[in-house]
Amino acid sequence: MDLVAPVIYIVNLVLAVGGAGLGIFAAVDAVSRRSDAFAAADKQTKGTWAGITVGCAVALGLGFFGGAFAPQSLLWLAGLTGSLVYLLDVRPRLREVQRGGRW
């Protein structure tokens, strides 16, 4: 059992660092986008997505301190889900709208 604790610690540390980085990237990206691109992409407003991603970044950043926000906890997973929704659904659509489409 002495070998399991360090592995669990390393996995939690990697998840905390990766989640915090992902949350910060999503928040910075949402804040740096133009407001009219969100309307053109038929998504929520820039303020809504900026608030969601900043809140998720805070929740993911608190993963370093353990407790209710420890990696793999429900609040940490909710923060990860919010950031991933922005990065995998909203961000590609915003990039497409700002780029002017395919043709």
PDB file of N, CA and C in Angstrom:
ATOM      1  N   MET A   1       0.803  -1.199   0.000  1.00  0.00           N
ATOM      2  CA  MET A   1       0.000   0.000   0.000  1.00  0.00           C
ATOM      3  C   MET A   1       0.848   1.265   0.000  1.00  0.00           C
ATOM      4  N   ASP A   2       2.126   1.122   0.278  1.00  0.00           N
ATOM      5  CA  ASP A   2       2.990   2.299   0.307  1.00  0.00           C
ATOM      6  C   ASP A   2       3.231   2.865  -1.084  1.00  0.00           C
ATOM      7  N   LEU A   3       3.023   2.071  -2.118  1.00  0.00           N
ATOM      8  CA  LEU A   3       3.239   2.548  -3.474  1.00  0.00           C
ATOM      9  C   LEU A   3       2.015   3.241  -4.061  1.00  0.00           C
ATOM     10  N   VAL A   4       0.856   3.022  -3.500  1.00  0.00           N
ATOM     11  CA  VAL A   4      -0.382   3.561  -4.056  1.00  0.00           C
ATOM     12  C   VAL A   4      -0.545   5.048  -3.729  1.00  0.00           C
ATOM     13  N   ALA A   5      -0.221   5.460  -2.540  1.00  0.00           N
ATOM     14  CA  ALA A   5      -0.429   6.856  -2.120  1.00  0.00           C
ATOM     15  C   ALA A   5       0.337   7.847  -2.991  1.00  0.00           C
ATOM     16  N   PRO A   6       1.621   7.617  -3.316  1.00  0.00           N
ATOM     17  CA  PRO A   6       2.311   8.576  -4.192  1.00  0.00           C
ATOM     18  C   PRO A   6       1.719   8.631  -5.600  1.00  0.00           C
ATOM     19  N   VAL A   7       1.254   7.507  -6.097  1.00  0.00           N
ATOM     20  CA  VAL A   7       0.651   7.494  -7.430  1.00  0.00           C
ATOM     21  C   VAL A   7      -0.646   8.303  -7.425  1.00  0.00           C
ATOM     22  N   ILE A   8      -1.457   8.134  -6.407  1.00  0.00           N
ATOM     23  CA  ILE A   8      -2.703   8.899  -6.296  1.00  0.00           C
ATOM     24  C   ILE A   8      -2.394  10.387  -6.170  1.00  0.00           C
ATOM     25  N   TYR A   9      -1.369  10.734  -5.398  1.00  0.00           N
ATOM     26  CA  TYR A   9      -0.982  12.136  -5.247  1.00  0.00           C
ATOM     27  C   TYR A   9      -0.545  12.723  -6.592  1.00  0.00           C
ATOM     28  N   ILE A  10       0.240  11.985  -7.351  1.00  0.00           N
ATOM     29  CA  ILE A  10       0.719  12.480  -8.646  1.00  0.00           C
ATOM     30  C   ILE A  10      -0.442  12.639  -9.627  1.00  0.00           C
ATOM     31  N   VAL A  11      -1.353  11.680  -9.644  1.00  0.00           N
ATOM     32  CA  VAL A  11      -2.518  11.774 -10.535  1.00  0.00           C
ATOM     33  C   VAL A  11      -3.363  12.996 -10.173  1.00  0.00           C
ATOM     34  N   ASN A  12      -3.607  13.209  -8.882  1.00  0.00           N
ATOM     35  CA  ASN A  12      -4.380  14.380  -8.455  1.00  0.00           C
ATOM     36  C   ASN A  12      -3.666  15.679  -8.790  1.00  0.00           C
ATOM     37  N   LEU A  13      -2.344  15.701  -8.661  1.00  0.00           N
ATOM     38  CA  LEU A  13      -1.581  16.900  -8.998  1.00  0.00           C
ATOM     39  C   LEU A  13      -1.646  17.193 -10.493  1.00  0.00           C
ATOM     40  N   VAL A  14      -1.515  16.166 -11.314  1.00  0.00           N
ATOM     41  CA  VAL A  14      -1.604  16.352 -12.766  1.00  0.00           C
ATOM     42  C   VAL A  14      -3.002  16.845 -13.152  1.00  0.00           C
ATOM     43  N   LEU A  15      -4.033  16.275 -12.547  1.00  0.00           N
ATOM     44  CA  LEU A  15      -5.398  16.720 -12.829  1.00  0.00           C
ATOM     45  C   LEU A  15      -5.623  18.166 -12.383  1.00  0.00           C
ATOM     46  N   ALA A  16      -5.091  18.532 -11.222  1.00  0.00           N
ATOM     47  CA  ALA A  16      -5.254  19.898 -10.719  1.00  0.00           C
ATOM     48  C   ALA A  16      -4.549  20.902 -11.623  1.00  0.00           C
ATOM     49  N   VAL A  17      -3.325  20.595 -12.021  1.00  0.00           N
ATOM     50  CA  VAL A  17      -2.568  21.512 -12.891  1.00  0.00           C
ATOM     51  C   VAL A  17      -3.219  21.600 -14.270  1.00  0.00           C
ATOM     52  N   GLY A  18      -3.572  20.455 -14.842  1.00  0.00           N
ATOM     53  CA  GLY A  18      -4.209  20.453 -16.157  1.00  0.00           C
ATOM     54  C   GLY A  18      -5.559  21.145 -16.154  1.00  0.00           C
ATOM     55  N   GLY A  19      -6.350  20.899 -15.137  1.00  0.00           N
ATOM     56  CA  GLY A  19      -7.662  21.542 -15.047  1.00  0.00           C
ATOM     57  C   GLY A  19      -7.557  23.040 -14.870  1.00  0.00           C
ATOM     58  N   ALA A  20      -6.625  23.474 -14.027  1.00  0.00           N
ATOM     59  CA  ALA A  20      -6.443  24.909 -13.817  1.00  0.00           C
ATOM     60  C   ALA A  20      -5.973  25.589 -15.103  1.00  0.00           C
ATOM     61  N   GLY A  21      -5.047  24.957 -15.797  1.00  0.00           N
ATOM     62  CA  GLY A  21      -4.578  25.516 -17.070  1.00  0.00           C
ATOM     63  C   GLY A  21      -5.684  25.596 -18.101  1.00  0.00           C
ATOM     64  N   LEU A  22      -6.480  24.551 -18.183  1.00  0.00           N
ATOM     65  CA  LEU A  22      -7.600  24.526 -19.112  1.00  0.00           C
ATOM     66  C   LEU A  22      -8.626  25.604 -18.775  1.00  0.00           C
ATOM     67  N   GLY A  23      -8.929  25.759 -17.494  1.00  0.00           N
ATOM     68  CA  GLY A  23      -9.895  26.771 -17.072  1.00  0.00           C
ATOM     69  C   GLY A  23      -9.417  28.187 -17.351  1.00  0.00           C
ATOM     70  N   ILE A  24      -8.144  28.433 -17.092  1.00  0.00           N
ATOM     71  CA  ILE A  24      -7.587  29.768 -17.347  1.00  0.00           C
ATOM     72  C   ILE A  24      -7.584  30.055 -18.843  1.00  0.00           C
ATOM     73  N   PHE A  25      -7.213  29.065 -19.651  1.00  0.00           N
ATOM     74  CA  PHE A  25      -7.222  29.267 -21.102  1.00  0.00           C
ATOM     75  C   PHE A  25      -8.627  29.584 -21.607  1.00  0.00           C
ATOM     76  N   ALA A  26      -9.625  28.843 -21.127  1.00  0.00           N
ATOM     77  CA  ALA A  26     -11.004  29.083 -21.555  1.00  0.00           C
ATOM     78  C   ALA A  26     -11.480  30.468 -21.125  1.00  0.00           C
ATOM     79  N   ALA A  27     -11.135  30.881 -19.902  1.00  0.00           N
ATOM     80  CA  ALA A  27     -11.573  32.188 -19.416  1.00  0.00           C
ATOM     81  C   ALA A  27     -10.923  33.316 -20.211  1.00  0.00           C
ATOM     82  N   VAL A  28      -9.628  33.214 -20.464  1.00  0.00           N
ATOM     83  CA  VAL A  28      -8.926  34.256 -21.230  1.00  0.00           C
ATOM     84  C   VAL A  28      -9.466  34.312 -22.651  1.00  0.00           C
ATOM     85  N   ASP A  29      -9.735  33.158 -23.243  1.00  0.00           N
ATOM     86  CA  ASP A  29     -10.264  33.133 -24.601  1.00  0.00           C
ATOM     87  C   ASP A  29     -11.660  33.758 -24.661  1.00  0.00           C
ATOM     88  N   ALA A  30     -12.511  33.451 -23.692  1.00  0.00           N
ATOM     89  CA  ALA A  30     -13.870  34.009 -23.689  1.00  0.00           C
ATOM     90  C   ALA A  30     -13.849  35.519 -23.498  1.00  0.00           C
ATOM     91  N   VAL A  31     -12.961  36.003 -22.656  1.00  0.00           N
ATOM     92  CA  VAL A  31     -12.887  37.443 -22.402  1.00  0.00           C
ATOM     93  C   VAL A  31     -12.307  38.182 -23.602  1.00  0.00           C
ATOM     94  N   SER A  32     -11.434  37.535 -24.364  1.00  0.00           N
ATOM     95  CA  SER A  32     -10.761  38.222 -25.465  1.00  0.00           C
ATOM     96  C   SER A  32     -11.572  38.240 -26.760  1.00  0.00           C
ATOM     97  N   ARG A  33     -12.659  37.504 -26.829  1.00  0.00           N
ATOM     98  CA  ARG A  33     -13.481  37.479 -28.048  1.00  0.00           C
ATOM     99  C   ARG A  33     -14.356  38.729 -28.144  1.00  0.00           C
ATOM    100  N   ARG A  34     -14.730  39.081 -29.383  1.00  0.00           N
ATOM    101  CA  ARG A  34     -15.614  40.227 -29.601  1.00  0.00           C
ATOM    102  C   ARG A  34     -17.038  39.877 -29.164  1.00  0.00           C
ATOM    103  N   SER A  35     -17.750  40.866 -28.668  1.00  0.00           N
ATOM    104  CA  SER A  35     -19.117  40.646 -28.179  1.00  0.00           C
ATOM    105  C   SER A  35     -20.075  40.261 -29.303  1.00  0.00           C
ATOM    106  N   ASP A  36     -19.916  40.869 -30.465  1.00  0.00           N
ATOM    107  CA  ASP A  36     -20.853  40.584 -31.555  1.00  0.00           C
ATOM    108  C   ASP A  36     -20.660  39.187 -32.131  1.00  0.00           C
ATOM    109  N   ALA A  37     -19.500  38.575 -31.919  1.00  0.00           N
ATOM    110  CA  ALA A  37     -19.275  37.220 -32.427  1.00  0.00           C
ATOM    111  C   ALA A  37     -20.168  36.210 -31.713  1.00  0.00           C
ATOM    112  N   PHE A  38     -20.453  36.437 -30.439  1.00  0.00           N
ATOM    113  CA  PHE A  38     -21.323  35.519 -29.702  1.00  0.00           C
ATOM    114  C   PHE A  38     -22.741  35.560 -30.255  1.00  0.00           C
ATOM    115  N   ALA A  39     -23.220  36.753 -30.582  1.00  0.00           N
ATOM    116  CA  ALA A  39     -24.557  36.874 -31.164  1.00  0.00           C
ATOM    117  C   ALA A  39     -24.595  36.271 -32.566  1.00  0.00           C
ATOM    118  N   ALA A  40     -23.543  36.507 -33.339  1.00  0.00           N
ATOM    119  CA  ALA A  40     -23.492  35.963 -34.696  1.00  0.00           C
ATOM    120  C   ALA A  40     -23.386  34.442 -34.680  1.00  0.00           C
ATOM    121  N   ALA A  41     -22.766  33.885 -33.667  1.00  0.00           N
ATOM    122  CA  ALA A  41     -22.633  32.429 -33.554  1.00  0.00           C
ATOM    123  C   ALA A  41     -23.874  31.795 -32.948  1.00  0.00           C
ATOM    124  N   ASP A  42     -24.845  32.599 -32.589  1.00  0.00           N
ATOM    125  CA  ASP A  42     -26.100  32.135 -31.992  1.00  0.00           C
ATOM    126  C   ASP A  42     -25.850  31.409 -30.666  1.00  0.00           C
ATOM    127  N   LYS A  43     -24.975  32.013 -29.852  1.00  0.00           N
ATOM    128  CA  LYS A  43     -24.656  31.484 -28.520  1.00  0.00           C
ATOM    129  C   LYS A  43     -25.077  32.521 -27.485  1.00  0.00           C
ATOM    130  N   GLN A  44     -24.881  32.213 -26.209  1.00  0.00           N
ATOM    131  CA  GLN A  44     -25.178  33.172 -25.148  1.00  0.00           C
ATOM    132  C   GLN A  44     -24.265  34.398 -25.304  1.00  0.00           C
ATOM    133  N   THR A  45     -24.521  35.438 -24.526  1.00  0.00           N
ATOM    134  CA  THR A  45     -23.745  36.669 -24.641  1.00  0.00           C
ATOM    135  C   THR A  45     -22.324  36.468 -24.123  1.00  0.00           C
ATOM    136  N   LYS A  46     -21.472  37.423 -24.467  1.00  0.00           N
ATOM    137  CA  LYS A  46     -20.083  37.366 -24.030  1.00  0.00           C
ATOM    138  C   LYS A  46     -20.009  37.410 -22.510  1.00  0.00           C
ATOM    139  N   GLY A  47     -20.808  38.231 -21.871  1.00  0.00           N
ATOM    140  CA  GLY A  47     -20.800  38.326 -20.416  1.00  0.00           C
ATOM    141  C   GLY A  47     -21.177  37.016 -19.746  1.00  0.00           C
ATOM    142  N   THR A  48     -22.135  36.313 -20.333  1.00  0.00           N
ATOM    143  CA  THR A  48     -22.553  35.028 -19.777  1.00  0.00           C
ATOM    144  C   THR A  48     -21.419  34.018 -19.864  1.00  0.00           C
ATOM    145  N   TRP A  49     -20.803  33.896 -21.046  1.00  0.00           N
ATOM    146  CA  TRP A  49     -19.727  32.924 -21.200  1.00  0.00           C
ATOM    147  C   TRP A  49     -18.474  33.328 -20.443  1.00  0.00           C
ATOM    148  N   ALA A  50     -18.219  34.618 -20.342  1.00  0.00           N
ATOM    149  CA  ALA A  50     -17.074  35.058 -19.538  1.00  0.00           C
ATOM    150  C   ALA A  50     -17.304  34.707 -18.071  1.00  0.00           C
ATOM    151  N   GLY A  51     -18.506  34.921 -17.578  1.00  0.00           N
ATOM    152  CA  GLY A  51     -18.817  34.567 -16.195  1.00  0.00           C
ATOM    153  C   GLY A  51     -18.730  33.077 -15.941  1.00  0.00           C
ATOM    154  N   ILE A  52     -19.251  32.282 -16.877  1.00  0.00           N
ATOM    155  CA  ILE A  52     -19.199  30.828 -16.726  1.00  0.00           C
ATOM    156  C   ILE A  52     -17.755  30.354 -16.708  1.00  0.00           C
ATOM    157  N   THR A  53     -16.956  30.808 -17.655  1.00  0.00           N
ATOM    158  CA  THR A  53     -15.582  30.312 -17.743  1.00  0.00           C
ATOM    159  C   THR A  53     -14.703  30.821 -16.601  1.00  0.00           C
ATOM    160  N   VAL A  54     -14.933  32.042 -16.149  1.00  0.00           N
ATOM    161  CA  VAL A  54     -14.161  32.543 -14.998  1.00  0.00           C
ATOM    162  C   VAL A  54     -14.537  31.767 -13.740  1.00  0.00           C
ATOM    163  N   GLY A  55     -15.830  31.512 -13.546  1.00  0.00           N
ATOM    164  CA  GLY A  55     -16.254  30.706 -12.403  1.00  0.00           C
ATOM    165  C   GLY A  55     -15.683  29.296 -12.456  1.00  0.00           C
ATOM    166  N   CYS A  56     -15.659  28.721 -13.636  1.00  0.00           N
ATOM    167  CA  CYS A  56     -15.073  27.384 -13.793  1.00  0.00           C
ATOM    168  C   CYS A  56     -13.572  27.411 -13.542  1.00  0.00           C
ATOM    169  N   ALA A  57     -12.891  28.466 -13.998  1.00  0.00           N
ATOM    170  CA  ALA A  57     -11.454  28.569 -13.759  1.00  0.00           C
ATOM    171  C   ALA A  57     -11.157  28.679 -12.266  1.00  0.00           C
ATOM    172  N   VAL A  58     -11.991  29.410 -11.547  1.00  0.00           N
ATOM    173  CA  VAL A  58     -11.804  29.521 -10.092  1.00  0.00           C
ATOM    174  C   VAL A  58     -12.014  28.166  -9.434  1.00  0.00           C
ATOM    175  N   ALA A  59     -13.074  27.458  -9.832  1.00  0.00           N
ATOM    176  CA  ALA A  59     -13.340  26.138  -9.252  1.00  0.00           C
ATOM    177  C   ALA A  59     -12.203  25.167  -9.559  1.00  0.00           C
ATOM    178  N   LEU A  60     -11.685  25.211 -10.773  1.00  0.00           N
ATOM    179  CA  LEU A  60     -10.581  24.322 -11.136  1.00  0.00           C
ATOM    180  C   LEU A  60      -9.287  24.737 -10.441  1.00  0.00           C
ATOM    181  N   GLY A  61      -9.080  26.032 -10.258  1.00  0.00           N
ATOM    182  CA  GLY A  61      -7.891  26.500  -9.551  1.00  0.00           C
ATOM    183  C   GLY A  61      -7.891  26.130  -8.087  1.00  0.00           C
ATOM    184  N   LEU A  62      -9.076  26.064  -7.504  1.00  0.00           N
ATOM    185  CA  LEU A  62      -9.170  25.662  -6.096  1.00  0.00           C
ATOM    186  C   LEU A  62      -8.902  24.178  -5.896  1.00  0.00           C
ATOM    187  N   GLY A  63      -8.744  23.442  -6.991  1.00  0.00           N
ATOM    188  CA  GLY A  63      -8.432  22.030  -6.905  1.00  0.00           C
ATOM    189  C   GLY A  63      -7.099  21.752  -6.238  1.00  0.00           C
ATOM    190  N   PHE A  64      -6.213  22.741  -6.217  1.00  0.00           N
ATOM    191  CA  PHE A  64      -4.919  22.574  -5.552  1.00  0.00           C
ATOM    192  C   PHE A  64      -5.061  22.445  -4.041  1.00  0.00           C
ATOM    193  N   PHE A  65      -6.143  23.002  -3.493  1.00  0.00           N
ATOM    194  CA  PHE A  65      -6.287  23.055  -2.049  1.00  0.00           C
ATOM    195  C   PHE A  65      -7.100  21.894  -1.480  1.00  0.00           C
ATOM    196  N   GLY A  66      -7.633  21.049  -2.354  1.00  0.00           N
ATOM    197  CA  GLY A  66      -8.380  19.883  -1.886  1.00  0.00           C
ATOM    198  C   GLY A  66      -9.753  20.249  -1.375  1.00  0.00           C
ATOM    199  N   GLY A  67     -10.255  19.456  -0.471  1.00  0.00           N
ATOM    200  CA  GLY A  67     -11.577  19.703   0.096  1.00  0.00           C
ATOM    201  C   GLY A  67     -12.674  19.482  -0.926  1.00  0.00           C
ATOM    202  N   ALA A  68     -13.640  20.386  -0.963  1.00  0.00           N
ATOM    203  CA  ALA A  68     -14.782  20.255  -1.859  1.00  0.00           C
ATOM    204  C   ALA A  68     -14.395  20.456  -3.318  1.00  0.00           C
ATOM    205  N   PHE A  69     -13.249  21.086  -3.581  1.00  0.00           N
ATOM    206  CA  PHE A  69     -12.820  21.358  -4.946  1.00  0.00           C
ATOM    207  C   PHE A  69     -11.671  20.456  -5.393  1.00  0.00           C
ATOM    208  N   ALA A  70     -11.399  19.400  -4.665  1.00  0.00           N
ATOM    209  CA  ALA A  70     -10.315  18.490  -5.032  1.00  0.00           C
ATOM    210  C   ALA A  70     -10.612  17.866  -6.391  1.00  0.00           C
ATOM    211  N   PRO A  71      -9.569  17.564  -7.160  1.00  0.00           N
ATOM    212  CA  PRO A  71      -9.810  16.895  -8.435  1.00  0.00           C
ATOM    213  C   PRO A  71     -10.638  15.626  -8.233  1.00  0.00           C
ATOM    214  N   GLN A  72     -11.520  15.400  -9.155  1.00  0.00           N
ATOM    215  CA  GLN A  72     -12.447  14.272  -9.155  1.00  0.00           C
ATOM    216  C   GLN A  72     -13.621  14.472  -8.199  1.00  0.00           C
ATOM    217  N   SER A  73     -13.732  15.639  -7.556  1.00  0.00           N
ATOM    218  CA  SER A  73     -14.918  15.926  -6.752  1.00  0.00           C
ATOM    219  C   SER A  73     -16.000  16.498  -7.663  1.00  0.00           C
ATOM    220  N   LEU A  74     -17.206  16.579  -7.172  1.00  0.00           N
ATOM    221  CA  LEU A  74     -18.327  17.024  -7.996  1.00  0.00           C
ATOM    222  C   LEU A  74     -18.168  18.478  -8.444  1.00  0.00           C
ATOM    223  N   LEU A  75     -17.724  19.362  -7.574  1.00  0.00           N
ATOM    224  CA  LEU A  75     -17.556  20.765  -7.948  1.00  0.00           C
ATOM    225  C   LEU A  75     -16.428  20.944  -8.959  1.00  0.00           C
ATOM    226  N   TRP A  76     -15.358  20.185  -8.793  1.00  0.00           N
ATOM    227  CA  TRP A  76     -14.242  20.257  -9.740  1.00  0.00           C
ATOM    228  C   TRP A  76     -14.693  19.749 -11.105  1.00  0.00           C
ATOM    229  N   LEU A  77     -15.462  18.663 -11.118  1.00  0.00           N
ATOM    230  CA  LEU A  77     -15.964  18.122 -12.379  1.00  0.00           C
ATOM    231  C   LEU A  77     -16.946  19.074 -13.051  1.00  0.00           C
ATOM    232  N   ALA A  78     -17.731  19.803 -12.265  1.00  0.00           N
ATOM    233  CA  ALA A  78     -18.638  20.801 -12.838  1.00  0.00           C
ATOM    234  C   ALA A  78     -17.840  21.923 -13.496  1.00  0.00           C
ATOM    235  N   GLY A  79     -16.760  22.361 -12.860  1.00  0.00           N
ATOM    236  CA  GLY A  79     -15.900  23.374 -13.462  1.00  0.00           C
ATOM    237  C   GLY A  79     -15.250  22.878 -14.739  1.00  0.00           C
ATOM    238  N   LEU A  80     -14.813  21.637 -14.733  1.00  0.00           N
ATOM    239  CA  LEU A  80     -14.209  21.049 -15.928  1.00  0.00           C
ATOM    240  C   LEU A  80     -15.231  20.949 -17.058  1.00  0.00           C
ATOM    241  N   THR A  81     -16.452  20.574 -16.717  1.00  0.00           N
ATOM    242  CA  THR A  81     -17.505  20.455 -17.722  1.00  0.00           C
ATOM    243  C   THR A  81     -17.819  21.809 -18.361  1.00  0.00           C
ATOM    244  N   GLY A  82     -17.925  22.850 -17.556  1.00  0.00           N
ATOM    245  CA  GLY A  82     -18.200  24.179 -18.097  1.00  0.00           C
ATOM    246  C   GLY A  82     -17.103  24.658 -19.026  1.00  0.00           C
ATOM    247  N   SER A  83     -15.863  24.446 -18.637  1.00  0.00           N
ATOM    248  CA  SER A  83     -14.743  24.856 -19.487  1.00  0.00           C
ATOM    249  C   SER A  83     -14.702  24.054 -20.781  1.00  0.00           C
ATOM    250  N   LEU A  84     -14.969  22.760 -20.693  1.00  0.00           N
ATOM    251  CA  LEU A  84     -14.946  21.925 -21.895  1.00  0.00           C
ATOM    252  C   LEU A  84     -16.101  22.254 -22.842  1.00  0.00           C
ATOM    253  N   VAL A  85     -17.260  22.609 -22.302  1.00  0.00           N
ATOM    254  CA  VAL A  85     -18.376  23.015 -23.167  1.00  0.00           C
ATOM    255  C   VAL A  85     -17.989  24.257 -23.951  1.00  0.00           C
ATOM    256  N   TYR A  86     -17.371  25.218 -23.281  1.00  0.00           N
ATOM    257  CA  TYR A  86     -16.944  26.414 -23.998  1.00  0.00           C
ATOM    258  C   TYR A  86     -15.905  26.069 -25.064  1.00  0.00           C
ATOM    259  N   LEU A  87     -14.884  25.299 -24.682  1.00  0.00           N
ATOM    260  CA  LEU A  87     -13.792  25.023 -25.610  1.00  0.00           C
ATOM    261  C   LEU A  87     -14.189  24.125 -26.773  1.00  0.00           C
ATOM    262  N   LEU A  88     -15.107  23.199 -26.560  1.00  0.00           N
ATOM    263  CA  LEU A  88     -15.450  22.238 -27.599  1.00  0.00           C
ATOM    264  C   LEU A  88     -16.703  22.593 -28.391  1.00  0.00           C
ATOM    265  N   ASP A  89     -17.528  23.495 -27.872  1.00  0.00           N
ATOM    266  CA  ASP A  89     -18.755  23.857 -28.572  1.00  0.00           C
ATOM    267  C   ASP A  89     -18.775  25.323 -28.994  1.00  0.00           C
ATOM    268  N   VAL A  90     -18.532  26.204 -28.062  1.00  0.00           N
ATOM    269  CA  VAL A  90     -18.675  27.641 -28.338  1.00  0.00           C
ATOM    270  C   VAL A  90     -17.465  28.178 -29.097  1.00  0.00           C
ATOM    271  N   ARG A  91     -16.269  27.865 -28.642  1.00  0.00           N
ATOM    272  CA  ARG A  91     -15.054  28.421 -29.250  1.00  0.00           C
ATOM    273  C   ARG A  91     -14.922  28.089 -30.740  1.00  0.00           C
ATOM    274  N   PRO A  92     -15.147  26.835 -31.182  1.00  0.00           N
ATOM    275  CA  PRO A  92     -15.046  26.573 -32.628  1.00  0.00           C
ATOM    276  C   PRO A  92     -16.047  27.378 -33.447  1.00  0.00           C
ATOM    277  N   ARG A  93     -17.240  27.546 -32.908  1.00  0.00           N
ATOM    278  CA  ARG A  93     -18.256  28.333 -33.630  1.00  0.00           C
ATOM    279  C   ARG A  93     -17.854  29.805 -33.694  1.00  0.00           C
ATOM    280  N   LEU A  94     -17.287  30.333 -32.615  1.00  0.00           N
ATOM    281  CA  LEU A  94     -16.825  31.725 -32.621  1.00  0.00           C
ATOM    282  C   LEU A  94     -15.685  31.912 -33.618  1.00  0.00           C
ATOM    283  N   ARG A  95     -14.777  30.975 -33.658  1.00  0.00           N
ATOM    284  CA  ARG A  95     -13.660  31.060 -34.608  1.00  0.00           C
ATOM    285  C   ARG A  95     -14.167  31.029 -36.040  1.00  0.00           C
ATOM    286  N   GLU A  96     -15.165  30.198 -36.300  1.00  0.00           N
ATOM    287  CA  GLU A  96     -15.736  30.113 -37.640  1.00  0.00           C
ATOM    288  C   GLU A  96     -16.410  31.423 -38.030  1.00  0.00           C
ATOM    289  N   VAL A  97     -17.150  32.008 -37.101  1.00  0.00           N
ATOM    290  CA  VAL A  97     -17.847  33.273 -37.376  1.00  0.00           C
ATOM    291  C   VAL A  97     -16.840  34.399 -37.593  1.00  0.00           C
ATOM    292  N   GLN A  98     -15.811  34.465 -36.779  1.00  0.00           N
ATOM    293  CA  GLN A  98     -14.837  35.545 -36.902  1.00  0.00           C
ATOM    294  C   GLN A  98     -13.960  35.383 -38.139  1.00  0.00           C
ATOM    295  N   ARG A  99     -13.764  34.154 -38.570  1.00  0.00           N
ATOM    296  CA  ARG A  99     -12.949  33.904 -39.750  1.00  0.00           C
ATOM    297  C   ARG A  99     -13.715  34.173 -41.037  1.00  0.00           C
ATOM    298  N   GLY A 100     -15.040  34.149 -40.959  1.00  0.00           N
ATOM    299  CA  GLY A 100     -15.844  34.451 -42.135  1.00  0.00           C
ATOM    300  C   GLY A 100     -16.383  33.222 -42.834  1.00  0.00           C
ATOM    301  N   GLY A 101     -16.374  32.102 -42.195  1.00  0.00           N
ATOM    302  CA  GLY A 101     -16.911  30.899 -42.813  1.00  0.00           C
ATOM    303  C   GLY A 101     -15.908  30.230 -43.735  1.00  0.00           C
ATOM    304  N   ARG A 102     -16.359  29.198 -44.377  1.00  0.00           N
ATOM    305  CA  ARG A 102     -15.463  28.409 -45.218  1.00  0.00           C
ATOM    306  C   ARG A 102     -15.219  29.060 -46.567  1.00  0.00           C
ATOM    307  N   TRP A 103     -16.216  29.646 -47.145  1.00  0.00           N
ATOM    308  CA  TRP A 103     -16.078  30.197 -48.478  1.00  0.00           C
ATOM    309  C   TRP A 103     -16.036  31.688 -48.390  1.00  0.00           C
TER     310      TRP A 103
END
